[in-house]
Amino acid sequence: MLYNVTVFVLLGLTQNPKMQKIIFVVFLLIYIISMAGNVLMLINIIASSLLGSPMYFFLAYLSFIDACYASVNTPKLIMDSLHEKKTILFNECMAQVFGEHFFAGAEIILLTVMANDCYVAICKPLHYATIMNWTVCILLVGVSWVGGFFHATIQLLFIFPLPFCGPNVIDHFMCDLNTLLTLACTDTHTLGLFIAANSGFICLLNFLLLLFSYVVILRSLKTQSMESRCKALSTWVSHIMVVILFFVPCIFVYMRPPINLSIDKAVAVFYTMITPILNPVIYTLRNAQMENAIRKLFSRKII
């Protein structure tokens, strides 16, 4: 007799009680640093008159998305590390899937938008103000949110109607598409291909388009002065580092059939929790304007 699963059991990162205490401390620190870094970046961009260009407008939204993205799974992992049995309700599991793909989808589109902004700034500097006007910038940010919403909705429509009749044990610290597909009481081979096309192929296609745009940018730098070249390369290197750190793990997880690998947990930790920390660090350490704005912000607070 079939029955509908109402609660899933998460195995988490480890079953070792001592390791779970370490996980609690480590990931609590990771979450605090991630939130502090992204919120500081957001406040700094809003408060500083030096950071009024479209690049920083997009960067502010990237910080906001990263803060939200990190909050989808990390608090649950931290709380679960305090309990021997880790459970999640079916509806909460679906909400976790939606939230993860909503913010990840929005970030993918926003990173593509930021690459376009970088291309225009470097390759067409005289037309930059006309092409990247504020109406266009706001529209592009809106597209990233709408695109993320549609992507997450499609993923939820794939997974929500599936029958789950047991077992209900998820060998992961979060609800994800691949792990849920392996628990469904039906043949999910075809559905797995659709999900790989929807998530994996979109990641791969955007990543290849971004790499192509970077090649065009590098070719255009040959005709510019050394000063302009160094300034452009600083921005370009920061952006490509963020893109590689985010896209490569996502392509590895979703550009394949729905099978569970032992390395998936470590990869998921990286792109859901570590990347949101690295983004503000990368953009701050390689950006003199950002560093100056942070110093001025703290100077005003101290005074």
Protein backbone atom coordinates (compact mmCIF):
# COMPACT_ATOMS: atom_id res chain seq x y z
CA MET A 1 0.00 0.00 0.00
CA LEU A 2 1.40 3.40 -1.03
CA TYR A 3 1.45 6.33 1.38
CA ASN A 4 2.61 9.91 1.09
CA VAL A 5 5.75 10.86 2.99
CA THR A 6 5.15 13.91 5.20
CA VAL A 7 8.58 14.06 6.83
CA PHE A 8 12.07 13.46 5.44
CA VAL A 9 15.05 12.45 7.56
CA LEU A 10 18.34 14.20 6.72
CA LEU A 11 21.60 12.37 7.37
CA GLY A 12 23.53 15.65 7.33
CA LEU A 13 27.27 15.94 6.77
CA THR A 14 28.16 13.34 9.39
CA GLN A 15 26.61 11.07 12.03
CA ASN A 16 29.55 11.49 14.43
CA PRO A 17 28.41 13.45 17.55
CA LYS A 18 31.84 15.05 18.08
CA MET A 19 32.06 16.10 14.45
CA GLN A 20 28.57 17.58 14.66
CA LYS A 21 29.73 19.93 17.43
CA ILE A 22 32.62 21.05 15.23
CA ILE A 23 30.21 21.51 12.32
CA PHE A 24 27.99 23.70 14.53
CA VAL A 25 30.87 26.04 15.41
CA VAL A 26 32.44 26.13 11.94
CA PHE A 27 29.25 26.75 9.99
CA LEU A 28 27.93 29.25 12.52
CA LEU A 29 31.12 31.26 11.96
CA ILE A 30 30.80 30.81 8.19
CA TYR A 31 27.22 32.07 8.26
CA ILE A 32 28.03 35.08 10.47
CA ILE A 33 31.01 36.05 8.26
CA SER A 34 28.94 35.58 5.11
CA MET A 35 26.07 37.74 6.35
CA ALA A 36 28.40 40.39 7.79
CA GLY A 37 30.46 40.60 4.59
CA ASN A 38 27.50 40.86 2.24
CA VAL A 39 25.53 43.26 4.44
CA LEU A 40 28.64 45.46 4.84
CA MET A 41 29.09 45.45 1.07
CA LEU A 42 25.45 46.39 0.55
CA ILE A 43 25.51 49.21 3.14
CA ASN A 44 28.83 50.51 1.83
CA ILE A 45 27.55 50.76 -1.76
CA ILE A 46 24.30 52.44 -0.69
CA ALA A 47 26.02 54.91 1.64
CA SER A 48 29.03 55.84 -0.50
CA SER A 49 28.88 58.51 -3.21
CA LEU A 50 32.05 57.02 -4.71
CA LEU A 51 30.24 53.81 -5.68
CA GLY A 52 27.48 55.14 -7.89
CA SER A 53 28.26 53.37 -11.16
CA PRO A 54 26.13 50.53 -12.61
CA MET A 55 28.84 48.01 -11.67
CA TYR A 56 28.34 48.73 -7.97
CA PHE A 57 24.56 48.83 -8.42
CA PHE A 58 24.73 45.23 -9.69
CA LEU A 59 27.26 44.32 -7.01
CA ALA A 60 24.84 45.54 -4.31
CA TYR A 61 22.15 43.22 -5.64
CA LEU A 62 24.69 40.38 -5.85
CA SER A 63 25.47 40.89 -2.15
CA PHE A 64 21.76 40.87 -1.30
CA ILE A 65 21.18 37.67 -3.31
CA ASP A 66 24.21 36.00 -1.69
CA ALA A 67 22.93 36.87 1.79
CA CYS A 68 19.52 35.36 0.93
CA TYR A 69 21.08 32.35 -0.81
CA ALA A 70 23.27 31.56 2.20
CA SER A 71 20.18 31.76 4.45
CA VAL A 72 18.26 29.05 2.57
CA ASN A 73 20.27 26.06 3.84
CA THR A 74 22.90 27.19 6.36
CA PRO A 75 20.64 27.96 9.38
CA LYS A 76 18.97 24.56 8.99
CA LEU A 77 22.37 22.83 8.86
CA ILE A 78 23.52 24.71 11.97
CA MET A 79 20.39 23.81 13.96
CA ASP A 80 20.44 20.19 12.79
CA SER A 81 24.01 19.78 14.05
CA LEU A 82 22.61 20.14 17.59
CA HIS A 83 20.20 17.21 17.15
CA GLU A 84 20.84 13.52 16.68
CA LYS A 85 17.80 13.08 14.43
CA LYS A 86 17.44 15.64 11.67
CA THR A 87 14.02 15.95 10.06
CA ILE A 88 12.33 18.29 7.61
CA LEU A 89 8.64 18.47 6.72
CA PHE A 90 7.63 17.80 3.12
CA ASN A 91 6.43 21.39 2.56
CA GLU A 92 9.59 22.80 4.16
CA CYS A 93 11.63 20.56 1.86
CA MET A 94 9.80 21.91 -1.19
CA ALA A 95 10.29 25.48 0.06
CA GLN A 96 14.01 24.79 0.45
CA VAL A 97 14.22 23.51 -3.14
CA PHE A 98 12.34 26.60 -4.40
CA GLY A 99 14.47 29.04 -2.39
CA GLU A 100 17.75 27.45 -3.45
CA HIS A 101 16.89 27.56 -7.17
CA PHE A 102 15.21 30.98 -6.98
CA PHE A 103 18.29 32.74 -5.60
CA ALA A 104 20.74 30.59 -7.61
CA GLY A 105 18.81 31.33 -10.82
CA ALA A 106 18.72 35.05 -10.04
CA GLU A 107 22.48 35.02 -9.35
CA ILE A 108 23.25 33.21 -12.61
CA ILE A 109 21.37 35.84 -14.61
CA LEU A 110 22.87 38.70 -12.58
CA LEU A 111 26.42 37.42 -13.14
CA THR A 112 25.67 37.33 -16.88
CA VAL A 113 24.36 40.90 -16.65
CA MET A 114 27.53 41.96 -14.80
CA ALA A 115 29.64 40.37 -17.53
CA ASN A 116 27.73 42.41 -20.11
CA ASP A 117 28.34 45.54 -18.04
CA CYS A 118 32.06 44.68 -17.88
CA TYR A 119 32.14 44.15 -21.66
CA VAL A 120 30.50 47.51 -22.41
CA ALA A 121 32.74 49.36 -19.92
CA ILE A 122 35.93 47.93 -21.42
CA CYS A 123 35.08 47.54 -25.12
CA LYS A 124 32.77 50.54 -25.61
CA PRO A 125 33.76 53.09 -22.94
CA LEU A 126 32.54 56.13 -24.93
CA HIS A 127 29.03 54.69 -25.22
CA TYR A 128 28.92 53.20 -21.71
CA ALA A 129 26.70 55.90 -20.13
CA THR A 130 24.22 55.66 -23.00
CA ILE A 131 24.04 51.85 -23.15
CA MET A 132 24.08 51.15 -19.40
CA ASN A 133 21.67 53.89 -18.29
CA TRP A 134 19.72 53.49 -15.06
CA THR A 135 16.53 52.39 -16.80
CA VAL A 136 18.42 49.54 -18.45
CA CYS A 137 20.15 48.63 -15.16
CA ILE A 138 16.89 48.42 -13.22
CA LEU A 139 15.29 46.42 -16.04
CA LEU A 140 18.20 43.94 -16.06
CA VAL A 141 17.99 43.45 -12.29
CA GLY A 142 14.24 42.87 -12.66
CA VAL A 143 14.94 40.27 -15.35
CA SER A 144 17.29 38.43 -12.97
CA TRP A 145 14.58 38.21 -10.27
CA VAL A 146 11.85 37.18 -12.71
CA GLY A 147 14.16 34.65 -14.37
CA GLY A 148 15.09 33.15 -10.99
CA PHE A 149 11.41 32.90 -10.05
CA PHE A 150 10.46 31.10 -13.26
CA HIS A 151 13.45 28.76 -13.00
CA ALA A 152 12.56 27.80 -9.40
CA THR A 153 8.87 27.40 -10.27
CA ILE A 154 9.69 25.01 -13.11
CA GLN A 155 11.91 22.95 -10.80
CA LEU A 156 9.14 22.81 -8.18
CA LEU A 157 6.57 21.73 -10.79
CA PHE A 158 8.91 18.87 -11.71
CA ILE A 159 9.41 17.60 -8.17
CA PHE A 160 6.22 18.50 -6.22
CA PRO A 161 3.76 16.09 -7.94
CA LEU A 162 6.05 13.04 -7.54
CA PRO A 163 4.81 10.26 -5.24
CA PHE A 164 7.03 9.69 -2.18
CA CYS A 165 6.01 6.47 -0.44
CA GLY A 166 9.25 5.57 1.33
CA PRO A 167 12.06 5.35 2.17
CA ASN A 168 12.23 8.93 3.44
CA VAL A 169 15.94 9.17 4.32
CA ILE A 170 17.92 11.82 2.40
CA ASP A 171 21.69 11.30 2.40
CA HIS A 172 22.37 15.03 2.39
CA PHE A 173 22.19 18.08 4.65
CA MET A 174 19.49 19.69 2.48
CA CYS A 175 16.67 18.87 0.08
CA ASP A 176 17.91 18.83 -3.48
CA LEU A 177 16.55 17.65 -6.81
CA ASN A 178 18.88 14.69 -7.35
CA THR A 179 18.38 13.26 -3.86
CA LEU A 180 14.60 13.64 -4.06
CA LEU A 181 14.40 12.00 -7.49
CA THR A 182 16.11 8.88 -6.11
CA LEU A 183 13.42 8.61 -3.40
CA ALA A 184 10.39 8.97 -5.69
CA CYS A 185 8.21 5.87 -6.10
CA THR A 186 8.17 6.11 -9.89
CA ASP A 187 10.50 6.06 -12.86
CA THR A 188 12.29 9.44 -12.89
CA HIS A 189 14.78 8.80 -15.69
CA THR A 190 13.04 11.07 -18.21
CA LEU A 191 12.32 13.67 -15.54
CA GLY A 192 15.99 13.62 -14.56
CA LEU A 193 16.92 14.49 -18.14
CA PHE A 194 14.49 17.44 -18.11
CA ILE A 195 15.96 18.71 -14.84
CA ALA A 196 19.51 18.32 -16.18
CA ALA A 197 18.45 20.34 -19.23
CA ASN A 198 16.73 22.98 -17.11
CA SER A 199 19.47 23.43 -14.51
CA GLY A 200 22.68 21.92 -15.84
CA PHE A 201 22.39 23.02 -19.45
CA ILE A 202 21.39 26.57 -18.48
CA CYS A 203 24.45 26.78 -16.19
CA LEU A 204 26.73 25.38 -18.90
CA LEU A 205 25.31 27.64 -21.63
CA ASN A 206 25.66 30.78 -19.50
CA PHE A 207 29.16 29.76 -18.45
CA LEU A 208 30.26 29.27 -22.08
CA LEU A 209 28.71 32.61 -23.08
CA LEU A 210 30.57 34.30 -20.24
CA LEU A 211 33.86 32.69 -21.26
CA PHE A 212 33.29 33.89 -24.83
CA SER A 213 32.66 37.44 -23.61
CA TYR A 214 35.90 37.28 -21.59
CA VAL A 215 37.84 36.26 -24.70
CA VAL A 216 36.38 39.27 -26.55
CA ILE A 217 37.32 41.55 -23.64
CA LEU A 218 40.91 40.25 -23.57
CA ARG A 219 41.27 40.82 -27.31
CA SER A 220 40.02 44.38 -26.99
CA LEU A 221 42.51 45.18 -24.22
CA LYS A 222 45.41 44.86 -26.66
CA THR A 223 44.53 48.22 -28.23
CA GLN A 224 44.26 50.13 -24.92
CA SER A 225 46.88 51.92 -22.85
CA MET A 226 48.74 50.17 -20.06
CA GLU A 227 46.86 52.11 -17.34
CA SER A 228 43.45 51.32 -18.84
CA ARG A 229 44.51 47.71 -19.34
CA CYS A 230 45.51 47.25 -15.68
CA LYS A 231 42.30 48.84 -14.41
CA ALA A 232 40.16 46.72 -16.73
CA LEU A 233 42.03 43.53 -15.86
CA SER A 234 41.47 44.12 -12.15
CA THR A 235 37.69 44.23 -12.69
CA TRP A 236 37.78 41.36 -15.18
CA VAL A 237 39.82 39.03 -12.93
CA SER A 238 37.47 39.63 -9.97
CA HIS A 239 34.44 38.83 -12.07
CA ILE A 240 35.83 35.68 -13.69
CA MET A 241 36.91 34.32 -10.29
CA VAL A 242 33.36 34.71 -8.95
CA VAL A 243 31.88 33.15 -12.10
CA ILE A 244 34.17 30.08 -12.00
CA LEU A 245 33.60 29.50 -8.28
CA PHE A 246 29.83 29.59 -8.73
CA PHE A 247 29.27 27.93 -12.11
CA VAL A 248 31.71 25.00 -12.05
CA PRO A 249 30.21 23.29 -8.93
CA CYS A 250 26.66 23.86 -10.24
CA ILE A 251 27.55 22.31 -13.61
CA PHE A 252 29.15 19.33 -11.84
CA VAL A 253 26.01 18.65 -9.74
CA TYR A 254 23.25 19.29 -12.27
CA MET A 255 24.80 18.46 -15.65
CA ARG A 256 24.48 14.72 -15.07
CA PRO A 257 21.82 12.03 -14.40
CA PRO A 258 20.19 12.10 -10.93
CA ILE A 259 22.68 9.94 -9.03
CA ASN A 260 24.11 10.62 -5.59
CA LEU A 261 27.90 10.84 -5.24
CA SER A 262 29.81 11.04 -1.97
CA ILE A 263 31.46 14.30 -3.07
CA ASP A 264 28.10 16.02 -3.67
CA LYS A 265 27.82 17.19 -0.05
CA ALA A 266 31.22 18.93 -0.15
CA VAL A 267 30.41 20.52 -3.52
CA ALA A 268 27.00 21.70 -2.21
CA VAL A 269 28.67 23.24 0.86
CA PHE A 270 31.00 25.13 -1.46
CA TYR A 271 28.45 26.70 -3.81
CA THR A 272 25.72 27.31 -1.21
CA MET A 273 27.81 28.52 1.76
CA ILE A 274 31.43 29.24 0.82
CA THR A 275 30.83 31.18 -2.41
CA PRO A 276 28.65 33.83 -0.68
CA ILE A 277 31.65 34.53 1.61
CA LEU A 278 34.18 34.70 -1.21
CA ASN A 279 32.25 37.15 -3.40
CA PRO A 280 32.59 40.22 -1.11
CA VAL A 281 36.21 39.30 -0.33
CA ILE A 282 37.15 39.00 -4.02
CA TYR A 283 35.42 42.23 -5.06
CA THR A 284 36.79 44.18 -2.07
CA LEU A 285 40.43 43.08 -2.06
CA ARG A 286 40.89 43.77 -5.78
CA ASN A 287 39.05 47.09 -5.80
CA ALA A 288 40.71 50.28 -4.55
CA GLN A 289 37.47 52.28 -4.78
CA MET A 290 35.67 49.76 -2.59
CA GLU A 291 38.46 49.77 -0.01
CA ASN A 292 38.48 53.58 0.13
CA ALA A 293 34.69 53.67 0.50
CA ILE A 294 34.85 51.17 3.39
CA ARG A 295 37.53 53.26 5.14
CA LYS A 296 35.43 56.42 4.78
CA LEU A 297 32.33 54.60 6.02
CA PHE A 298 34.12 53.39 9.17
CA SER A 299 35.76 56.80 9.67
CA ARG A 300 32.34 58.49 9.69
CA LYS A 301 30.99 55.92 12.16
CA ILE A 302 33.97 56.34 14.50
CA ILE A 303 33.80 60.15 14.36
